[in-house]
N, C-alpha and C. Protein backbone atom coordinates (compact mmCIF):
# COMPACT_ATOMS: atom_id res chain seq x y z
N UNK A 1 10.67 -187.44 -103.09
CA UNK A 1 10.40 -188.03 -104.39
C UNK A 1 9.89 -189.46 -104.16
N UNK A 2 8.63 -189.69 -104.51
CA UNK A 2 8.05 -191.02 -104.33
C UNK A 2 7.84 -191.68 -105.68
N UNK A 3 8.22 -192.93 -105.75
CA UNK A 3 8.04 -193.72 -106.97
C UNK A 3 6.75 -194.53 -106.87
N UNK A 4 6.25 -195.01 -108.00
CA UNK A 4 5.07 -195.87 -107.98
C UNK A 4 5.39 -197.17 -107.26
N UNK A 5 4.42 -197.67 -106.55
CA UNK A 5 4.56 -198.99 -105.93
C UNK A 5 4.39 -200.05 -107.02
N UNK A 6 4.67 -201.29 -106.68
CA UNK A 6 4.45 -202.39 -107.63
C UNK A 6 2.98 -202.43 -108.04
N UNK A 7 2.08 -202.20 -107.09
CA UNK A 7 0.64 -202.19 -107.39
C UNK A 7 0.30 -201.03 -108.32
N UNK A 8 0.88 -199.87 -108.09
CA UNK A 8 0.65 -198.72 -108.95
C UNK A 8 1.14 -198.96 -110.36
N UNK A 9 2.27 -199.64 -110.49
CA UNK A 9 2.78 -199.98 -111.83
C UNK A 9 1.82 -200.92 -112.54
N UNK A 10 1.31 -201.92 -111.82
CA UNK A 10 0.34 -202.86 -112.42
C UNK A 10 -0.91 -202.11 -112.87
N UNK A 11 -1.39 -201.18 -112.05
CA UNK A 11 -2.59 -200.41 -112.39
C UNK A 11 -2.37 -199.58 -113.65
N UNK A 12 -1.22 -198.93 -113.75
CA UNK A 12 -0.95 -198.06 -114.91
C UNK A 12 -0.89 -198.88 -116.20
N UNK A 13 -0.22 -200.01 -116.17
CA UNK A 13 -0.15 -200.87 -117.36
C UNK A 13 -1.53 -201.38 -117.73
N UNK A 14 -2.29 -201.81 -116.72
CA UNK A 14 -3.65 -202.32 -116.96
C UNK A 14 -4.55 -201.23 -117.53
N UNK A 15 -4.41 -200.01 -117.05
CA UNK A 15 -5.21 -198.90 -117.59
C UNK A 15 -4.87 -198.68 -119.06
N UNK A 16 -3.59 -198.67 -119.39
CA UNK A 16 -3.19 -198.52 -120.79
C UNK A 16 -3.75 -199.63 -121.66
N UNK A 17 -3.72 -200.84 -121.13
CA UNK A 17 -4.28 -201.99 -121.84
C UNK A 17 -5.77 -201.79 -122.11
N UNK A 18 -6.51 -201.37 -121.11
CA UNK A 18 -7.95 -201.16 -121.28
C UNK A 18 -8.24 -200.01 -122.25
N UNK A 19 -7.45 -198.97 -122.17
CA UNK A 19 -7.65 -197.86 -123.09
C UNK A 19 -7.40 -198.31 -124.54
N UNK A 20 -6.42 -199.18 -124.72
CA UNK A 20 -6.16 -199.72 -126.06
C UNK A 20 -7.35 -200.52 -126.56
N UNK A 21 -8.01 -201.28 -125.67
CA UNK A 21 -9.20 -202.05 -126.05
C UNK A 21 -10.29 -201.13 -126.58
N UNK A 22 -10.30 -199.90 -126.09
CA UNK A 22 -11.36 -198.96 -126.46
C UNK A 22 -10.87 -197.92 -127.47
N UNK A 23 -9.93 -198.37 -128.29
CA UNK A 23 -9.44 -197.58 -129.43
C UNK A 23 -8.88 -196.21 -129.06
N UNK A 24 -8.27 -196.11 -127.91
CA UNK A 24 -7.59 -194.87 -127.56
C UNK A 24 -6.20 -194.90 -128.21
N UNK A 25 -5.92 -193.89 -128.95
CA UNK A 25 -4.62 -193.77 -129.62
C UNK A 25 -4.18 -192.31 -129.50
N UNK A 26 -3.56 -191.97 -128.38
CA UNK A 26 -3.21 -190.56 -128.17
C UNK A 26 -2.20 -190.06 -129.19
N UNK A 27 -2.41 -188.82 -129.60
CA UNK A 27 -1.44 -188.15 -130.46
C UNK A 27 -0.45 -187.35 -129.61
N UNK A 28 -0.85 -187.09 -128.37
CA UNK A 28 0.00 -186.36 -127.42
C UNK A 28 -0.19 -187.00 -126.04
N UNK A 29 0.88 -187.08 -125.28
CA UNK A 29 0.80 -187.51 -123.88
C UNK A 29 1.52 -186.45 -123.06
N UNK A 30 0.76 -185.78 -122.19
CA UNK A 30 1.30 -184.74 -121.34
C UNK A 30 1.22 -185.20 -119.89
N UNK A 31 2.26 -184.94 -119.12
CA UNK A 31 2.30 -185.34 -117.72
C UNK A 31 2.89 -184.25 -116.83
N UNK A 32 2.51 -184.32 -115.58
CA UNK A 32 3.16 -183.51 -114.55
C UNK A 32 4.62 -183.95 -114.47
N UNK A 33 5.45 -183.11 -113.92
CA UNK A 33 6.87 -183.44 -113.78
C UNK A 33 7.15 -184.37 -112.60
N UNK A 34 6.17 -184.57 -111.73
CA UNK A 34 6.43 -185.40 -110.54
C UNK A 34 6.67 -186.85 -110.94
N UNK A 35 7.58 -187.50 -110.23
CA UNK A 35 8.07 -188.83 -110.60
C UNK A 35 6.94 -189.84 -110.83
N UNK A 36 6.00 -189.92 -109.90
CA UNK A 36 4.93 -190.92 -110.06
C UNK A 36 4.07 -190.64 -111.29
N UNK A 37 3.85 -189.38 -111.61
CA UNK A 37 3.07 -189.05 -112.80
C UNK A 37 3.84 -189.45 -114.06
N UNK A 38 5.13 -189.15 -114.11
CA UNK A 38 5.94 -189.52 -115.27
C UNK A 38 5.95 -191.04 -115.42
N UNK A 39 6.15 -191.76 -114.31
CA UNK A 39 6.15 -193.22 -114.38
C UNK A 39 4.80 -193.74 -114.85
N UNK A 40 3.72 -193.14 -114.36
CA UNK A 40 2.38 -193.55 -114.78
C UNK A 40 2.21 -193.33 -116.28
N UNK A 41 2.61 -192.16 -116.76
CA UNK A 41 2.49 -191.86 -118.19
C UNK A 41 3.27 -192.88 -119.02
N UNK A 42 4.47 -193.21 -118.59
CA UNK A 42 5.29 -194.17 -119.33
C UNK A 42 4.64 -195.55 -119.36
N UNK A 43 4.08 -195.97 -118.23
CA UNK A 43 3.49 -197.31 -118.17
C UNK A 43 2.14 -197.38 -118.89
N UNK A 44 1.34 -196.31 -118.81
CA UNK A 44 0.09 -196.28 -119.57
C UNK A 44 0.41 -196.32 -121.07
N UNK A 45 1.41 -195.55 -121.48
CA UNK A 45 1.83 -195.55 -122.89
C UNK A 45 2.29 -196.95 -123.31
N UNK A 46 3.00 -197.64 -122.42
CA UNK A 46 3.44 -199.00 -122.73
C UNK A 46 2.24 -199.93 -122.88
N UNK A 47 1.26 -199.80 -121.98
CA UNK A 47 0.04 -200.60 -122.08
C UNK A 47 -0.74 -200.32 -123.35
N UNK A 48 -0.67 -199.08 -123.81
CA UNK A 48 -1.33 -198.67 -125.05
C UNK A 48 -0.53 -199.09 -126.29
N UNK A 49 0.71 -199.52 -126.08
CA UNK A 49 1.65 -199.79 -127.17
C UNK A 49 1.86 -198.52 -127.99
N UNK A 50 1.92 -197.37 -127.31
CA UNK A 50 2.05 -196.08 -127.95
C UNK A 50 3.52 -195.69 -128.08
N UNK A 51 3.86 -195.13 -129.22
CA UNK A 51 5.21 -194.64 -129.46
C UNK A 51 5.29 -193.12 -129.33
N UNK A 52 4.19 -192.51 -128.85
CA UNK A 52 4.13 -191.05 -128.71
C UNK A 52 5.13 -190.60 -127.64
N UNK A 53 5.83 -189.53 -127.92
CA UNK A 53 6.77 -188.96 -126.96
C UNK A 53 5.99 -188.32 -125.81
N UNK A 54 6.38 -188.65 -124.61
CA UNK A 54 5.73 -188.09 -123.42
C UNK A 54 6.36 -186.73 -123.13
N UNK A 55 5.49 -185.73 -122.98
CA UNK A 55 5.95 -184.37 -122.73
C UNK A 55 5.58 -183.94 -121.32
N UNK A 56 6.52 -183.33 -120.61
CA UNK A 56 6.25 -182.80 -119.28
C UNK A 56 5.59 -181.44 -119.45
N UNK A 57 4.46 -181.27 -118.77
CA UNK A 57 3.74 -179.99 -118.78
C UNK A 57 3.65 -179.50 -117.33
N UNK A 58 4.41 -178.48 -117.00
CA UNK A 58 4.41 -177.97 -115.62
C UNK A 58 3.02 -177.63 -115.10
N UNK A 59 2.12 -177.19 -115.96
CA UNK A 59 0.77 -176.81 -115.52
C UNK A 59 -0.04 -177.98 -114.98
N UNK A 60 0.42 -179.22 -115.20
CA UNK A 60 -0.28 -180.39 -114.65
C UNK A 60 0.18 -180.74 -113.23
N UNK A 61 1.14 -180.00 -112.71
CA UNK A 61 1.62 -180.24 -111.34
C UNK A 61 0.58 -179.75 -110.34
N UNK A 62 0.59 -180.30 -109.13
CA UNK A 62 -0.35 -179.86 -108.11
C UNK A 62 -0.24 -178.36 -107.84
N UNK A 63 -1.41 -177.73 -107.67
CA UNK A 63 -1.45 -176.32 -107.31
C UNK A 63 -1.31 -175.35 -108.47
N UNK A 64 -1.18 -175.84 -109.68
CA UNK A 64 -1.03 -174.96 -110.84
C UNK A 64 -2.41 -174.56 -111.39
N UNK A 65 -2.43 -173.51 -112.18
CA UNK A 65 -3.67 -173.02 -112.78
C UNK A 65 -4.06 -173.90 -113.95
N UNK A 66 -5.16 -174.63 -113.81
CA UNK A 66 -5.57 -175.57 -114.85
C UNK A 66 -5.99 -174.87 -116.13
N UNK A 67 -6.26 -173.60 -116.05
CA UNK A 67 -6.64 -172.86 -117.28
C UNK A 67 -5.50 -172.82 -118.29
N UNK A 68 -4.26 -172.91 -117.80
CA UNK A 68 -3.15 -172.93 -118.74
C UNK A 68 -3.10 -174.25 -119.52
N UNK A 69 -3.59 -175.33 -118.92
CA UNK A 69 -3.70 -176.61 -119.64
C UNK A 69 -4.76 -176.47 -120.73
N UNK A 70 -5.88 -175.85 -120.37
CA UNK A 70 -6.96 -175.63 -121.36
C UNK A 70 -6.43 -174.79 -122.51
N UNK A 71 -5.67 -173.75 -122.22
CA UNK A 71 -5.10 -172.90 -123.27
C UNK A 71 -4.16 -173.70 -124.17
N UNK A 72 -3.36 -174.57 -123.58
CA UNK A 72 -2.44 -175.40 -124.37
C UNK A 72 -3.22 -176.37 -125.25
N UNK A 73 -4.31 -176.92 -124.73
CA UNK A 73 -5.15 -177.82 -125.53
C UNK A 73 -5.77 -177.05 -126.70
N UNK A 74 -6.25 -175.85 -126.43
CA UNK A 74 -6.86 -175.05 -127.49
C UNK A 74 -5.84 -174.65 -128.56
N UNK A 75 -4.59 -174.52 -128.16
CA UNK A 75 -3.53 -174.16 -129.11
C UNK A 75 -3.20 -175.31 -130.06
N UNK A 76 -3.66 -176.50 -129.76
CA UNK A 76 -3.40 -177.67 -130.59
C UNK A 76 -4.39 -177.82 -131.74
N UNK A 77 -5.05 -176.79 -132.09
CA UNK A 77 -6.07 -176.88 -133.15
C UNK A 77 -5.61 -177.81 -134.26
N UNK A 78 -6.50 -178.70 -134.69
CA UNK A 78 -6.10 -179.63 -135.75
C UNK A 78 -5.80 -178.90 -137.06
N UNK A 79 -4.75 -179.33 -137.71
CA UNK A 79 -4.40 -178.77 -139.02
C UNK A 79 -4.85 -179.74 -140.10
N UNK A 80 -5.16 -179.23 -141.28
CA UNK A 80 -5.61 -180.13 -142.35
C UNK A 80 -4.51 -181.11 -142.76
N UNK A 81 -4.91 -182.35 -143.01
CA UNK A 81 -4.00 -183.38 -143.50
C UNK A 81 -3.59 -183.01 -144.91
N UNK A 82 -2.34 -183.19 -145.24
CA UNK A 82 -1.83 -182.74 -146.55
C UNK A 82 -2.49 -183.46 -147.72
N UNK A 83 -2.91 -184.70 -147.54
CA UNK A 83 -3.50 -185.44 -148.66
C UNK A 83 -5.01 -185.33 -148.72
N UNK A 84 -5.67 -185.39 -147.56
CA UNK A 84 -7.13 -185.43 -147.56
C UNK A 84 -7.77 -184.06 -147.36
N UNK A 85 -7.02 -183.12 -146.77
CA UNK A 85 -7.58 -181.81 -146.47
C UNK A 85 -8.45 -181.81 -145.23
N UNK A 86 -8.68 -183.01 -144.62
CA UNK A 86 -9.48 -183.12 -143.40
C UNK A 86 -8.60 -182.80 -142.19
N UNK A 87 -9.21 -182.31 -141.10
CA UNK A 87 -8.40 -182.03 -139.90
C UNK A 87 -7.75 -183.30 -139.37
N UNK A 88 -6.50 -183.17 -138.94
CA UNK A 88 -5.81 -184.28 -138.31
C UNK A 88 -6.49 -184.59 -136.98
N UNK A 89 -6.51 -185.85 -136.62
CA UNK A 89 -7.10 -186.27 -135.35
C UNK A 89 -6.14 -185.89 -134.21
N UNK A 90 -6.72 -185.32 -133.15
CA UNK A 90 -5.94 -184.98 -131.96
C UNK A 90 -6.57 -185.66 -130.76
N UNK A 91 -5.81 -186.47 -130.07
CA UNK A 91 -6.22 -187.08 -128.81
C UNK A 91 -5.10 -186.86 -127.82
N UNK A 92 -5.40 -186.14 -126.75
CA UNK A 92 -4.38 -185.80 -125.77
C UNK A 92 -4.66 -186.57 -124.48
N UNK A 93 -3.67 -187.30 -124.02
CA UNK A 93 -3.74 -188.03 -122.76
C UNK A 93 -3.04 -187.19 -121.71
N UNK A 94 -3.77 -186.82 -120.66
CA UNK A 94 -3.21 -186.02 -119.57
C UNK A 94 -2.98 -186.91 -118.36
N UNK A 95 -1.81 -186.81 -117.76
CA UNK A 95 -1.50 -187.55 -116.53
C UNK A 95 -1.12 -186.51 -115.49
N UNK A 96 -1.89 -186.48 -114.41
CA UNK A 96 -1.64 -185.47 -113.39
C UNK A 96 -2.17 -185.88 -112.05
N UNK A 97 -2.72 -184.91 -111.35
CA UNK A 97 -3.09 -185.10 -109.95
C UNK A 97 -4.46 -184.47 -109.70
N UNK A 98 -5.11 -184.96 -108.67
CA UNK A 98 -6.35 -184.34 -108.21
C UNK A 98 -6.00 -183.25 -107.20
N UNK A 99 -6.76 -182.19 -107.16
CA UNK A 99 -8.02 -181.92 -107.86
C UNK A 99 -7.85 -181.28 -109.24
N UNK A 100 -6.59 -181.15 -109.71
CA UNK A 100 -6.36 -180.50 -110.99
C UNK A 100 -7.03 -181.18 -112.17
N UNK A 101 -6.93 -182.52 -112.23
CA UNK A 101 -7.51 -183.22 -113.38
C UNK A 101 -9.03 -183.06 -113.44
N UNK A 102 -9.69 -183.15 -112.30
CA UNK A 102 -11.14 -182.97 -112.33
C UNK A 102 -11.49 -181.51 -112.63
N UNK A 103 -10.62 -180.58 -112.25
CA UNK A 103 -10.82 -179.17 -112.61
C UNK A 103 -10.72 -178.98 -114.12
N UNK A 104 -9.77 -179.65 -114.75
CA UNK A 104 -9.65 -179.60 -116.21
C UNK A 104 -10.88 -180.23 -116.84
N UNK A 105 -11.30 -181.38 -116.32
CA UNK A 105 -12.52 -182.03 -116.83
C UNK A 105 -13.73 -181.11 -116.73
N UNK A 106 -13.87 -180.43 -115.60
CA UNK A 106 -15.01 -179.52 -115.39
C UNK A 106 -15.00 -178.39 -116.42
N UNK A 107 -13.82 -177.84 -116.70
CA UNK A 107 -13.73 -176.77 -117.69
C UNK A 107 -14.03 -177.29 -119.10
N UNK A 108 -13.55 -178.48 -119.41
CA UNK A 108 -13.77 -179.04 -120.75
C UNK A 108 -15.23 -179.36 -121.03
N UNK A 109 -15.95 -179.82 -120.00
CA UNK A 109 -17.36 -180.18 -120.22
C UNK A 109 -18.32 -179.07 -119.78
N UNK A 110 -17.79 -178.02 -119.17
CA UNK A 110 -18.62 -176.91 -118.75
C UNK A 110 -19.54 -177.25 -117.59
N UNK A 111 -19.05 -178.08 -116.67
CA UNK A 111 -19.86 -178.47 -115.51
C UNK A 111 -18.99 -178.45 -114.27
N UNK A 112 -19.42 -177.75 -113.25
CA UNK A 112 -18.62 -177.64 -112.03
C UNK A 112 -18.64 -178.91 -111.18
N UNK A 113 -19.54 -179.83 -111.49
CA UNK A 113 -19.68 -181.03 -110.66
C UNK A 113 -18.96 -182.25 -111.26
N UNK A 114 -17.88 -182.05 -111.98
CA UNK A 114 -17.11 -183.15 -112.56
C UNK A 114 -16.48 -183.93 -111.42
N UNK A 115 -16.85 -185.19 -111.27
CA UNK A 115 -16.36 -186.01 -110.15
C UNK A 115 -14.86 -186.27 -110.26
N UNK A 116 -14.20 -186.27 -109.11
CA UNK A 116 -12.76 -186.53 -109.07
C UNK A 116 -12.45 -187.90 -109.66
N UNK A 117 -11.32 -187.98 -110.34
CA UNK A 117 -10.86 -189.25 -110.89
C UNK A 117 -10.17 -190.04 -109.79
N UNK A 118 -10.39 -191.34 -109.80
CA UNK A 118 -9.69 -192.22 -108.87
C UNK A 118 -8.30 -192.52 -109.39
N UNK A 119 -7.50 -193.16 -108.58
CA UNK A 119 -6.16 -193.57 -109.04
C UNK A 119 -6.33 -194.55 -110.18
N UNK A 120 -5.54 -194.38 -111.22
CA UNK A 120 -5.57 -195.24 -112.41
C UNK A 120 -6.96 -195.30 -113.04
N UNK A 121 -7.57 -194.13 -113.16
CA UNK A 121 -8.87 -194.00 -113.84
C UNK A 121 -8.72 -192.94 -114.93
N UNK A 122 -9.38 -193.17 -116.05
CA UNK A 122 -9.34 -192.24 -117.17
C UNK A 122 -10.75 -191.77 -117.48
N UNK A 123 -10.83 -190.58 -118.04
CA UNK A 123 -12.10 -190.05 -118.53
C UNK A 123 -11.88 -189.65 -119.98
N UNK A 124 -12.79 -190.06 -120.85
CA UNK A 124 -12.71 -189.66 -122.26
C UNK A 124 -13.68 -188.50 -122.48
N UNK A 125 -13.12 -187.37 -122.88
CA UNK A 125 -13.91 -186.17 -123.15
C UNK A 125 -13.70 -185.82 -124.62
N UNK A 126 -14.78 -185.67 -125.33
CA UNK A 126 -14.70 -185.31 -126.75
C UNK A 126 -15.76 -184.26 -127.04
N UNK A 127 -15.36 -183.22 -127.73
CA UNK A 127 -16.29 -182.16 -128.13
C UNK A 127 -17.10 -181.62 -126.96
N UNK A 128 -16.46 -181.45 -125.81
CA UNK A 128 -17.11 -180.87 -124.64
C UNK A 128 -18.06 -181.79 -123.91
N UNK A 129 -18.00 -183.10 -124.21
CA UNK A 129 -18.90 -184.07 -123.58
C UNK A 129 -18.09 -185.20 -122.95
N UNK A 130 -18.44 -185.55 -121.71
CA UNK A 130 -17.84 -186.72 -121.07
C UNK A 130 -18.43 -187.95 -121.73
N UNK A 131 -17.61 -188.70 -122.44
CA UNK A 131 -18.09 -189.90 -123.15
C UNK A 131 -18.11 -191.12 -122.23
N UNK A 132 -17.05 -191.29 -121.44
CA UNK A 132 -16.99 -192.40 -120.49
C UNK A 132 -15.84 -192.22 -119.52
N UNK A 133 -15.90 -193.04 -118.48
CA UNK A 133 -14.82 -193.14 -117.50
C UNK A 133 -14.43 -194.61 -117.44
N UNK A 134 -13.15 -194.86 -117.24
CA UNK A 134 -12.68 -196.25 -117.23
C UNK A 134 -11.58 -196.39 -116.17
N UNK A 135 -11.78 -197.33 -115.26
CA UNK A 135 -10.78 -197.61 -114.24
C UNK A 135 -9.87 -198.73 -114.72
N UNK A 136 -8.73 -198.85 -114.11
CA UNK A 136 -7.73 -199.84 -114.49
C UNK A 136 -8.26 -201.27 -114.43
N UNK A 137 -9.26 -201.51 -113.57
CA UNK A 137 -9.76 -202.87 -113.38
C UNK A 137 -11.19 -203.06 -113.86
N UNK A 138 -11.71 -202.11 -114.65
CA UNK A 138 -13.08 -202.26 -115.13
C UNK A 138 -13.09 -203.01 -116.46
N UNK A 139 -14.13 -203.77 -116.67
CA UNK A 139 -14.26 -204.53 -117.91
C UNK A 139 -14.69 -203.64 -119.06
N UNK A 140 -15.47 -202.62 -118.76
CA UNK A 140 -15.96 -201.72 -119.80
C UNK A 140 -16.08 -200.32 -119.21
N UNK A 141 -15.94 -199.31 -120.05
CA UNK A 141 -16.09 -197.94 -119.54
C UNK A 141 -17.52 -197.69 -119.02
N UNK A 142 -17.60 -196.85 -118.01
CA UNK A 142 -18.90 -196.45 -117.47
C UNK A 142 -19.28 -195.11 -118.07
N UNK A 143 -20.54 -194.94 -118.34
CA UNK A 143 -21.01 -193.67 -118.91
C UNK A 143 -21.53 -192.77 -117.83
């Protein structure tokens, strides 16, 4: 069982901070059960100032079938808001491991060449399109 280093903790908080700058407001935070992933999820959520409950998803662990993550995402279909009738916004933050995360990205965008994510790097995918990638120390997301 390995814990995040001091540098890893700094990176996770900084990533959450940067994601907050870019209006990321997750409605769900899912993480692998491994200690460093859980710690990363907690620190990114703190950087985001998010009060969302972090949920452990076994399918995000190394060696698991990423298609089960896709199925869980599809099961989250937005439901209509009780007052407006418009679909509720769903933004899911996934914290896991490579090559699983890039495999999930590839399935979501329909491209087998989805580049691996670096440590403390996020990718924003919406409607089947990679919108941007953002590292913990970048000033602005890269397209």
